[in-house]
């Protein structure tokens, strides 16, 4: 069933919602690159606050957690601008120790609001997934997220345009989703 309001900021959240937030949402809201001046970060912060206030069910899996942590640490690495640009050497620095503390502190803040879910890779047909992956421009983790959301009936909150043809219910502040959703609604009325 399609969402009546796909705009993550305007959606009417409820306790019946089963939301799976993509790593980019957590990065916009809690990540080191998120900023109170950035419009997307503001929009997703509002959406998350509204979902939490409505007692919506929010889920996370190990792939999203890993992507959040790794991308946040890479951001800190890039910002450190250390000579040589070797991430493995960066992990032996005081800058990395500070970055890990900051990133894990932020992750602990949002994990308190999440229900853990398994990615269910053992339930997938890996051969079919390889075929699907080879035929799409998305990354492999996105394919896992699509299968996970379908299997559990999750609505995906994402800013990633790669999910636009996934067939999932999507909440977003990405204008590509919102314009497509409004065209669909207009054309189907």
N, C-alpha and C. Protein backbone atom coordinates (compact mmCIF):
# COMPACT_ATOMS: atom_id res chain seq x y z
N UNK A 1 0.84 -1.18 0.00
CA UNK A 1 0.00 0.00 0.00
C UNK A 1 0.89 1.24 0.00
N UNK A 2 0.65 2.13 -0.94
CA UNK A 2 1.47 3.33 -1.07
C UNK A 2 1.18 4.31 0.06
N UNK A 3 2.18 5.05 0.41
CA UNK A 3 2.03 6.06 1.46
C UNK A 3 1.22 7.24 0.95
N UNK A 4 0.39 7.78 1.81
CA UNK A 4 -0.37 8.98 1.43
C UNK A 4 0.54 10.19 1.39
N UNK A 5 1.50 10.25 2.29
CA UNK A 5 2.43 11.38 2.34
C UNK A 5 3.85 10.84 2.39
N UNK A 6 4.55 10.84 1.24
CA UNK A 6 5.91 10.31 1.20
C UNK A 6 6.98 11.29 1.70
N UNK A 7 6.58 12.52 1.95
CA UNK A 7 7.54 13.50 2.46
C UNK A 7 7.82 13.18 3.93
N UNK A 8 9.06 12.81 4.20
CA UNK A 8 9.44 12.38 5.55
C UNK A 8 9.16 13.44 6.60
N UNK A 9 9.28 14.69 6.21
CA UNK A 9 9.07 15.79 7.14
C UNK A 9 7.59 16.02 7.44
N UNK A 10 6.73 15.71 6.48
CA UNK A 10 5.29 15.98 6.62
C UNK A 10 4.45 14.74 6.94
N UNK A 11 5.02 13.58 6.81
CA UNK A 11 4.30 12.33 7.03
C UNK A 11 3.68 12.31 8.42
N UNK A 12 2.47 11.76 8.53
CA UNK A 12 1.82 11.62 9.83
C UNK A 12 2.24 10.29 10.42
N UNK A 13 3.17 10.36 11.36
CA UNK A 13 3.73 9.16 11.98
C UNK A 13 2.76 8.59 13.02
N UNK A 14 2.88 7.27 13.24
CA UNK A 14 2.01 6.61 14.21
C UNK A 14 2.77 5.44 14.84
N UNK A 15 2.21 4.88 15.92
CA UNK A 15 2.83 3.71 16.55
C UNK A 15 2.82 2.46 15.66
N UNK A 16 2.01 2.47 14.62
CA UNK A 16 1.96 1.34 13.69
C UNK A 16 3.08 1.38 12.66
N UNK A 17 3.73 2.52 12.52
CA UNK A 17 4.82 2.63 11.54
C UNK A 17 5.93 1.65 11.87
N UNK A 18 6.45 1.02 10.81
CA UNK A 18 7.61 0.14 10.90
C UNK A 18 8.66 0.74 9.97
N UNK A 19 9.52 1.56 10.53
CA UNK A 19 10.46 2.35 9.74
C UNK A 19 11.86 1.76 9.78
N UNK A 20 12.46 1.68 8.62
CA UNK A 20 13.86 1.28 8.52
C UNK A 20 14.60 2.48 7.94
N UNK A 21 15.50 3.04 8.74
CA UNK A 21 16.22 4.24 8.31
C UNK A 21 17.55 3.85 7.69
N UNK A 22 17.75 4.33 6.48
CA UNK A 22 18.99 4.10 5.75
C UNK A 22 20.12 4.84 6.45
N UNK A 23 21.34 4.41 6.22
CA UNK A 23 22.51 5.03 6.86
C UNK A 23 22.58 6.52 6.57
N UNK A 24 22.17 6.94 5.37
CA UNK A 24 22.27 8.37 5.06
C UNK A 24 21.38 9.23 5.96
N UNK A 25 20.30 8.69 6.47
CA UNK A 25 19.46 9.45 7.40
C UNK A 25 20.20 9.63 8.72
N UNK A 26 20.76 8.54 9.24
CA UNK A 26 21.53 8.65 10.48
C UNK A 26 22.71 9.59 10.30
N UNK A 27 23.34 9.56 9.13
CA UNK A 27 24.47 10.46 8.87
C UNK A 27 24.03 11.92 8.81
N UNK A 28 22.89 12.19 8.20
CA UNK A 28 22.37 13.57 8.14
C UNK A 28 22.04 14.09 9.54
N UNK A 29 21.48 13.24 10.37
CA UNK A 29 21.01 13.68 11.68
C UNK A 29 22.11 13.64 12.74
N UNK A 30 22.90 12.57 12.76
CA UNK A 30 23.88 12.38 13.82
C UNK A 30 25.33 12.41 13.35
N UNK A 31 25.57 12.28 12.07
CA UNK A 31 26.93 12.15 11.56
C UNK A 31 27.73 13.44 11.65
N UNK A 32 29.05 13.32 11.53
CA UNK A 32 29.92 14.49 11.63
C UNK A 32 29.71 15.48 10.49
N UNK A 33 29.19 15.02 9.36
CA UNK A 33 28.96 15.92 8.23
C UNK A 33 27.60 16.60 8.31
N UNK A 34 26.73 16.12 9.20
CA UNK A 34 25.44 16.77 9.40
C UNK A 34 25.64 18.14 10.01
N UNK A 35 24.76 19.05 9.68
CA UNK A 35 24.91 20.42 10.18
C UNK A 35 23.54 21.03 10.40
N UNK A 36 23.44 21.82 11.44
CA UNK A 36 22.16 22.49 11.69
C UNK A 36 21.85 23.51 10.60
N UNK A 37 22.84 23.84 9.77
CA UNK A 37 22.63 24.77 8.66
C UNK A 37 22.18 24.05 7.38
N UNK A 38 22.40 22.75 7.32
CA UNK A 38 22.07 21.97 6.14
C UNK A 38 20.58 21.66 6.12
N UNK A 39 19.90 21.99 5.02
CA UNK A 39 18.45 21.82 4.93
C UNK A 39 18.04 20.35 5.05
N UNK A 40 18.79 19.46 4.44
CA UNK A 40 18.44 18.03 4.54
C UNK A 40 18.59 17.54 5.97
N UNK A 41 19.66 17.94 6.62
CA UNK A 41 19.85 17.54 8.02
C UNK A 41 18.70 18.05 8.88
N UNK A 42 18.30 19.29 8.65
CA UNK A 42 17.16 19.85 9.40
C UNK A 42 15.89 19.05 9.14
N UNK A 43 15.62 18.77 7.87
CA UNK A 43 14.39 18.06 7.50
C UNK A 43 14.34 16.67 8.10
N UNK A 44 15.44 15.93 8.02
CA UNK A 44 15.44 14.58 8.58
C UNK A 44 15.44 14.59 10.10
N UNK A 45 16.02 15.61 10.71
CA UNK A 45 15.93 15.74 12.18
C UNK A 45 14.49 15.93 12.60
N UNK A 46 13.76 16.77 11.87
CA UNK A 46 12.34 16.99 12.15
C UNK A 46 11.56 15.69 11.96
N UNK A 47 11.82 14.98 10.87
CA UNK A 47 11.12 13.72 10.59
C UNK A 47 11.38 12.70 11.69
N UNK A 48 12.62 12.56 12.08
CA UNK A 48 12.96 11.59 13.13
C UNK A 48 12.31 11.97 14.45
N UNK A 49 12.34 13.24 14.78
CA UNK A 49 11.71 13.69 16.03
C UNK A 49 10.21 13.40 16.01
N UNK A 50 9.56 13.63 14.88
CA UNK A 50 8.13 13.36 14.77
C UNK A 50 7.84 11.87 14.89
N UNK A 51 8.69 11.03 14.27
CA UNK A 51 8.51 9.58 14.37
C UNK A 51 8.68 9.11 15.81
N UNK A 52 9.69 9.63 16.48
CA UNK A 52 9.92 9.25 17.88
C UNK A 52 8.78 9.72 18.78
N UNK A 53 8.30 10.93 18.58
CA UNK A 53 7.18 11.46 19.37
C UNK A 53 5.90 10.64 19.16
N UNK A 54 5.77 10.05 17.96
CA UNK A 54 4.59 9.23 17.66
C UNK A 54 4.76 7.78 18.09
N UNK A 55 5.91 7.47 18.68
CA UNK A 55 6.23 6.10 19.08
C UNK A 55 6.25 5.12 17.91
N UNK A 56 6.71 5.61 16.76
CA UNK A 56 6.89 4.74 15.60
C UNK A 56 7.98 3.73 15.91
N UNK A 57 7.88 2.57 15.30
CA UNK A 57 8.90 1.53 15.44
C UNK A 57 10.02 1.81 14.46
N UNK A 58 11.23 1.93 14.97
CA UNK A 58 12.39 2.24 14.13
C UNK A 58 13.37 1.08 14.24
N UNK A 59 13.77 0.56 13.08
CA UNK A 59 14.62 -0.61 13.01
C UNK A 59 15.98 -0.27 12.41
N UNK A 60 16.97 -1.07 12.81
CA UNK A 60 18.32 -0.93 12.25
C UNK A 60 18.94 -2.32 12.19
N UNK A 61 19.80 -2.52 11.20
CA UNK A 61 20.53 -3.77 11.09
C UNK A 61 22.03 -3.49 11.07
N UNK A 62 22.81 -4.55 11.05
CA UNK A 62 24.26 -4.41 11.13
C UNK A 62 24.84 -3.72 9.89
N UNK A 63 24.24 -3.88 8.72
CA UNK A 63 24.76 -3.22 7.52
C UNK A 63 24.67 -1.70 7.64
N UNK A 64 23.54 -1.21 8.09
CA UNK A 64 23.35 0.23 8.25
C UNK A 64 24.26 0.76 9.35
N UNK A 65 24.35 0.01 10.45
CA UNK A 65 25.23 0.44 11.54
C UNK A 65 26.68 0.52 11.07
N UNK A 66 27.12 -0.49 10.34
CA UNK A 66 28.48 -0.52 9.82
C UNK A 66 28.73 0.63 8.85
N UNK A 67 27.78 0.87 7.97
CA UNK A 67 27.93 1.96 7.00
C UNK A 67 27.99 3.31 7.71
N UNK A 68 27.16 3.50 8.72
CA UNK A 68 27.19 4.75 9.48
C UNK A 68 28.57 4.95 10.12
N UNK A 69 29.06 3.93 10.82
CA UNK A 69 30.34 4.04 11.51
C UNK A 69 31.49 4.26 10.53
N UNK A 70 31.54 3.46 9.48
CA UNK A 70 32.63 3.57 8.52
C UNK A 70 32.64 4.90 7.78
N UNK A 71 31.48 5.35 7.33
CA UNK A 71 31.44 6.63 6.62
C UNK A 71 31.75 7.80 7.54
N UNK A 72 31.32 7.73 8.79
CA UNK A 72 31.63 8.79 9.74
C UNK A 72 33.13 8.85 10.01
N UNK A 73 33.75 7.70 10.20
CA UNK A 73 35.19 7.68 10.45
C UNK A 73 35.97 8.12 9.22
N UNK A 74 35.51 7.77 8.05
CA UNK A 74 36.16 8.25 6.81
C UNK A 74 36.05 9.77 6.69
N UNK A 75 34.91 10.30 7.10
CA UNK A 75 34.74 11.75 7.09
C UNK A 75 35.78 12.41 8.00
N UNK A 76 35.93 11.90 9.21
CA UNK A 76 36.93 12.43 10.14
C UNK A 76 38.34 12.30 9.56
N UNK A 77 38.62 11.18 8.92
CA UNK A 77 39.91 10.95 8.29
C UNK A 77 40.17 12.01 7.22
N UNK A 78 39.18 12.23 6.36
CA UNK A 78 39.34 13.24 5.30
C UNK A 78 39.55 14.63 5.89
N UNK A 79 38.80 14.94 6.95
CA UNK A 79 38.93 16.25 7.60
C UNK A 79 40.29 16.42 8.28
N UNK A 80 40.87 15.33 8.76
CA UNK A 80 42.16 15.41 9.45
C UNK A 80 43.27 15.81 8.48
N UNK A 81 43.11 15.45 7.20
CA UNK A 81 44.08 15.83 6.18
C UNK A 81 45.50 15.41 6.52
N UNK A 82 45.64 14.23 7.04
CA UNK A 82 46.96 13.75 7.45
C UNK A 82 47.82 13.42 6.23
N UNK A 83 49.10 13.74 6.32
CA UNK A 83 50.00 13.43 5.20
C UNK A 83 50.03 11.93 4.92
N UNK A 84 50.09 11.60 3.68
CA UNK A 84 50.15 10.19 3.28
C UNK A 84 48.79 9.60 2.97
N UNK A 85 47.74 10.10 3.58
CA UNK A 85 46.38 9.65 3.29
C UNK A 85 46.15 8.16 3.49
N UNK A 86 46.80 7.55 4.45
CA UNK A 86 46.66 6.12 4.70
C UNK A 86 45.72 5.91 5.89
N UNK A 87 44.53 5.38 5.61
CA UNK A 87 43.54 5.20 6.66
C UNK A 87 44.02 4.21 7.73
N UNK A 88 44.71 3.16 7.32
CA UNK A 88 45.19 2.17 8.31
C UNK A 88 46.17 2.83 9.28
N UNK A 89 47.02 3.71 8.78
CA UNK A 89 47.95 4.43 9.67
C UNK A 89 47.18 5.43 10.54
N UNK A 90 46.14 6.01 9.98
CA UNK A 90 45.30 6.96 10.73
C UNK A 90 44.71 6.30 11.97
N UNK A 91 44.38 5.01 11.87
CA UNK A 91 43.79 4.30 13.01
C UNK A 91 44.73 4.18 14.21
N UNK A 92 46.01 4.45 13.99
CA UNK A 92 46.98 4.42 15.09
C UNK A 92 47.25 5.82 15.68
N UNK A 93 46.42 6.81 15.33
CA UNK A 93 46.67 8.18 15.78
C UNK A 93 45.70 8.60 16.89
N UNK A 94 46.07 9.65 17.58
CA UNK A 94 45.20 10.24 18.60
C UNK A 94 43.95 10.84 17.95
N UNK A 95 44.08 11.33 16.72
CA UNK A 95 42.94 11.88 16.00
C UNK A 95 41.87 10.81 15.79
N UNK A 96 42.33 9.60 15.45
CA UNK A 96 41.39 8.50 15.24
C UNK A 96 40.70 8.12 16.56
N UNK A 97 41.46 8.06 17.64
CA UNK A 97 40.88 7.74 18.94
C UNK A 97 39.77 8.72 19.29
N UNK A 98 40.00 10.00 19.05
CA UNK A 98 38.98 11.02 19.32
C UNK A 98 37.78 10.84 18.39
N UNK A 99 38.05 10.53 17.12
CA UNK A 99 36.97 10.33 16.14
C UNK A 99 36.11 9.13 16.52
N UNK A 100 36.73 8.03 16.92
CA UNK A 100 35.98 6.83 17.31
C UNK A 100 35.10 7.13 18.52
N UNK A 101 35.64 7.84 19.48
CA UNK A 101 34.83 8.19 20.66
C UNK A 101 33.62 9.04 20.25
N UNK A 102 33.84 10.02 19.39
CA UNK A 102 32.74 10.89 18.95
C UNK A 102 31.70 10.11 18.15
N UNK A 103 32.15 9.30 17.22
CA UNK A 103 31.24 8.55 16.35
C UNK A 103 30.43 7.52 17.14
N UNK A 104 31.08 6.79 18.03
CA UNK A 104 30.34 5.79 18.82
C UNK A 104 29.40 6.46 19.82
N UNK A 105 29.77 7.61 20.33
CA UNK A 105 28.87 8.35 21.23
C UNK A 105 27.59 8.75 20.49
N UNK A 106 27.75 9.23 19.26
CA UNK A 106 26.58 9.60 18.46
C UNK A 106 25.73 8.37 18.14
N UNK A 107 26.38 7.27 17.79
CA UNK A 107 25.64 6.04 17.45
C UNK A 107 24.85 5.53 18.65
N UNK A 108 25.45 5.61 19.83
CA UNK A 108 24.74 5.17 21.04
C UNK A 108 23.49 6.01 21.26
N UNK A 109 23.52 7.29 20.89
CA UNK A 109 22.34 8.14 21.06
C UNK A 109 21.17 7.61 20.24
N UNK A 110 21.42 7.26 18.98
CA UNK A 110 20.28 6.82 18.17
C UNK A 110 19.95 5.35 18.36
N UNK A 111 20.91 4.53 18.74
CA UNK A 111 20.61 3.11 18.96
C UNK A 111 19.60 2.91 20.09
N UNK A 112 19.54 3.83 21.03
CA UNK A 112 18.57 3.72 22.12
C UNK A 112 17.14 3.72 21.61
N UNK A 113 16.93 4.26 20.41
CA UNK A 113 15.58 4.39 19.86
C UNK A 113 15.26 3.31 18.83
N UNK A 114 16.20 2.39 18.61
CA UNK A 114 16.05 1.41 17.53
C UNK A 114 15.80 0.00 18.04
N UNK A 115 15.08 -0.74 17.22
CA UNK A 115 14.93 -2.18 17.42
C UNK A 115 15.89 -2.83 16.44
N UNK A 116 16.62 -3.81 16.92
CA UNK A 116 17.58 -4.50 16.06
C UNK A 116 16.87 -5.55 15.21
N UNK A 117 17.31 -5.65 13.97
CA UNK A 117 16.76 -6.65 13.06
C UNK A 117 17.92 -7.29 12.31
N UNK A 118 17.78 -8.59 12.09
CA UNK A 118 18.80 -9.33 11.32
C UNK A 118 18.60 -9.04 9.84
N UNK A 119 19.69 -9.03 9.11
CA UNK A 119 19.62 -8.80 7.66
C UNK A 119 19.07 -10.01 6.92
N UNK A 120 19.00 -11.14 7.58
CA UNK A 120 18.41 -12.35 7.01
C UNK A 120 19.08 -12.80 5.71
N UNK A 121 20.38 -12.62 5.62
CA UNK A 121 21.08 -13.03 4.41
C UNK A 121 20.87 -14.52 4.15
N UNK A 122 20.76 -15.30 5.19
CA UNK A 122 20.56 -16.74 5.00
C UNK A 122 19.19 -17.06 4.39
N UNK A 123 18.26 -16.12 4.44
CA UNK A 123 16.93 -16.30 3.87
C UNK A 123 16.87 -15.88 2.40
N UNK A 124 17.95 -15.28 1.91
CA UNK A 124 17.98 -14.78 0.53
C UNK A 124 18.49 -15.85 -0.42
N UNK A 125 18.18 -15.67 -1.66
CA UNK A 125 18.74 -16.49 -2.72
C UNK A 125 19.94 -15.73 -3.27
N UNK A 126 21.16 -16.08 -2.83
CA UNK A 126 22.33 -15.29 -3.23
C UNK A 126 22.57 -15.29 -4.73
N UNK A 127 22.23 -16.35 -5.43
CA UNK A 127 22.41 -16.38 -6.89
C UNK A 127 21.49 -15.36 -7.55
N UNK A 128 20.23 -15.31 -7.08
CA UNK A 128 19.30 -14.33 -7.63
C UNK A 128 19.74 -12.92 -7.27
N UNK A 129 20.26 -12.76 -6.06
CA UNK A 129 20.75 -11.44 -5.65
C UNK A 129 21.91 -10.99 -6.54
N UNK A 130 22.78 -11.91 -6.92
CA UNK A 130 23.89 -11.56 -7.81
C UNK A 130 23.35 -11.14 -9.17
N UNK A 131 22.35 -11.84 -9.65
CA UNK A 131 21.72 -11.49 -10.93
C UNK A 131 21.08 -10.11 -10.84
N UNK A 132 20.32 -9.87 -9.77
CA UNK A 132 19.68 -8.57 -9.58
C UNK A 132 20.71 -7.46 -9.46
N UNK A 133 21.75 -7.72 -8.69
CA UNK A 133 22.81 -6.73 -8.47
C UNK A 133 23.50 -6.37 -9.79
N UNK A 134 23.75 -7.36 -10.62
CA UNK A 134 24.44 -7.13 -11.90
C UNK A 134 23.59 -6.32 -12.88
N UNK A 135 22.28 -6.29 -12.65
CA UNK A 135 21.38 -5.62 -13.58
C UNK A 135 20.94 -4.24 -13.10
N UNK A 136 21.44 -3.79 -11.95
CA UNK A 136 21.03 -2.49 -11.42
C UNK A 136 22.25 -1.64 -11.13
N UNK A 137 22.07 -0.33 -11.09
CA UNK A 137 23.19 0.54 -10.74
C UNK A 137 23.37 0.73 -9.23
N UNK A 138 22.60 0.01 -8.42
CA UNK A 138 22.69 0.19 -6.97
C UNK A 138 23.83 -0.64 -6.40
N UNK A 139 24.16 -0.35 -5.14
CA UNK A 139 25.21 -1.15 -4.51
C UNK A 139 24.59 -2.36 -3.83
N UNK A 140 25.43 -3.30 -3.45
CA UNK A 140 24.95 -4.57 -2.92
C UNK A 140 24.19 -4.39 -1.60
N UNK A 141 24.67 -3.49 -0.74
CA UNK A 141 23.97 -3.25 0.52
C UNK A 141 22.54 -2.78 0.27
N UNK A 142 22.35 -1.98 -0.79
CA UNK A 142 21.00 -1.53 -1.13
C UNK A 142 20.10 -2.72 -1.48
N UNK A 143 20.65 -3.70 -2.17
CA UNK A 143 19.87 -4.89 -2.50
C UNK A 143 19.46 -5.64 -1.23
N UNK A 144 20.36 -5.73 -0.27
CA UNK A 144 20.05 -6.38 1.01
C UNK A 144 18.94 -5.60 1.72
N UNK A 145 19.04 -4.26 1.72
CA UNK A 145 18.03 -3.43 2.38
C UNK A 145 16.67 -3.60 1.72
N UNK A 146 16.64 -3.67 0.40
CA UNK A 146 15.37 -3.87 -0.31
C UNK A 146 14.72 -5.19 0.12
N UNK A 147 15.51 -6.26 0.12
CA UNK A 147 14.98 -7.57 0.53
C UNK A 147 14.51 -7.53 1.98
N UNK A 148 15.29 -6.91 2.84
CA UNK A 148 14.95 -6.80 4.26
C UNK A 148 13.63 -6.05 4.45
N UNK A 149 13.48 -4.92 3.79
CA UNK A 149 12.26 -4.12 3.92
C UNK A 149 11.05 -4.87 3.37
N UNK A 150 11.22 -5.57 2.26
CA UNK A 150 10.11 -6.36 1.71
C UNK A 150 9.71 -7.47 2.66
N UNK A 151 10.67 -8.19 3.18
CA UNK A 151 10.40 -9.34 4.04
C UNK A 151 9.70 -8.93 5.34
N UNK A 152 10.07 -7.76 5.88
CA UNK A 152 9.53 -7.34 7.18
C UNK A 152 8.44 -6.27 7.07
N UNK A 153 8.09 -5.87 5.87
CA UNK A 153 7.05 -4.86 5.70
C UNK A 153 7.47 -3.49 6.21
N UNK A 154 8.76 -3.16 6.08
CA UNK A 154 9.26 -1.87 6.54
C UNK A 154 9.04 -0.79 5.49
N UNK A 155 8.81 0.41 5.98
CA UNK A 155 8.87 1.61 5.14
C UNK A 155 10.29 2.13 5.27
N UNK A 156 10.92 2.38 4.14
CA UNK A 156 12.30 2.84 4.14
C UNK A 156 12.34 4.36 4.14
N UNK A 157 13.07 4.93 5.11
CA UNK A 157 13.35 6.36 5.08
C UNK A 157 14.77 6.51 4.54
N UNK A 158 14.89 7.20 3.42
CA UNK A 158 16.19 7.33 2.77
C UNK A 158 16.27 8.64 2.00
N UNK A 159 17.49 9.05 1.75
CA UNK A 159 17.74 10.19 0.87
C UNK A 159 18.44 9.71 -0.39
N UNK A 160 18.64 8.42 -0.50
CA UNK A 160 19.38 7.80 -1.59
C UNK A 160 18.46 7.55 -2.79
N UNK A 161 18.77 8.18 -3.90
CA UNK A 161 17.97 8.03 -5.11
C UNK A 161 18.01 6.64 -5.72
N UNK A 162 18.94 5.79 -5.27
CA UNK A 162 19.04 4.43 -5.84
C UNK A 162 17.82 3.57 -5.55
N UNK A 163 17.01 3.95 -4.60
CA UNK A 163 15.85 3.13 -4.23
C UNK A 163 14.58 3.54 -4.99
N UNK A 164 14.67 4.49 -5.89
CA UNK A 164 13.47 5.07 -6.50
C UNK A 164 12.62 4.04 -7.24
N UNK A 165 13.22 3.02 -7.82
CA UNK A 165 12.46 1.99 -8.53
C UNK A 165 12.39 0.67 -7.77
N UNK A 166 12.58 0.73 -6.47
CA UNK A 166 12.64 -0.49 -5.65
C UNK A 166 11.28 -1.11 -5.37
N UNK A 167 10.21 -0.34 -5.52
CA UNK A 167 8.89 -0.84 -5.18
C UNK A 167 8.56 -0.73 -3.69
N UNK A 168 9.49 -0.19 -2.91
CA UNK A 168 9.27 -0.02 -1.47
C UNK A 168 8.44 1.22 -1.18
N UNK A 169 7.78 1.22 -0.03
CA UNK A 169 7.23 2.46 0.49
C UNK A 169 8.41 3.26 1.01
N UNK A 170 8.54 4.49 0.53
CA UNK A 170 9.70 5.30 0.88
C UNK A 170 9.25 6.64 1.43
N UNK A 171 9.89 7.00 2.54
CA UNK A 171 9.77 8.34 3.09
C UNK A 171 11.08 9.04 2.80
N UNK A 172 10.99 10.27 2.29
CA UNK A 172 12.21 10.97 1.91
C UNK A 172 11.96 12.47 1.89
N UNK A 173 13.04 13.21 1.90
CA UNK A 173 12.99 14.65 1.64
C UNK A 173 13.71 14.94 0.32
N UNK A 174 14.11 13.89 -0.37
CA UNK A 174 14.78 14.00 -1.66
C UNK A 174 13.76 14.41 -2.71
N UNK A 175 14.01 15.50 -3.40
CA UNK A 175 13.05 16.04 -4.36
C UNK A 175 12.72 15.07 -5.49
N UNK A 176 13.65 14.18 -5.85
CA UNK A 176 13.36 13.19 -6.89
C UNK A 176 12.23 12.26 -6.47
N UNK A 177 12.23 11.81 -5.22
CA UNK A 177 11.14 10.97 -4.73
C UNK A 177 9.83 11.75 -4.65
N UNK A 178 9.93 12.95 -4.12
CA UNK A 178 8.71 13.72 -3.88
C UNK A 178 8.04 14.13 -5.19
N UNK A 179 8.82 14.50 -6.20
CA UNK A 179 8.21 14.86 -7.48
C UNK A 179 7.62 13.63 -8.16
N UNK A 180 8.30 12.50 -8.04
CA UNK A 180 7.77 11.27 -8.62
C UNK A 180 6.48 10.85 -7.92
N UNK A 181 6.47 10.97 -6.60
CA UNK A 181 5.28 10.61 -5.82
C UNK A 181 4.10 11.51 -6.19
N UNK A 182 4.36 12.81 -6.36
CA UNK A 182 3.26 13.71 -6.69
C UNK A 182 2.77 13.45 -8.12
N UNK A 183 3.66 13.09 -9.04
CA UNK A 183 3.24 12.73 -10.38
C UNK A 183 2.40 11.47 -10.37
N UNK A 184 2.80 10.48 -9.56
CA UNK A 184 2.05 9.24 -9.47
C UNK A 184 0.65 9.50 -8.92
N UNK A 185 0.58 10.30 -7.85
CA UNK A 185 -0.71 10.61 -7.23
C UNK A 185 -1.60 11.36 -8.21
N UNK A 186 -1.04 12.32 -8.91
CA UNK A 186 -1.81 13.11 -9.88
C UNK A 186 -2.30 12.24 -11.02
N UNK A 187 -1.45 11.37 -11.54
CA UNK A 187 -1.81 10.53 -12.66
C UNK A 187 -2.75 9.39 -12.29
N UNK A 188 -2.77 8.98 -11.02
CA UNK A 188 -3.62 7.86 -10.63
C UNK A 188 -4.97 8.30 -10.09
N UNK A 189 -5.18 9.60 -9.90
CA UNK A 189 -6.45 10.09 -9.38
C UNK A 189 -7.53 10.13 -10.45
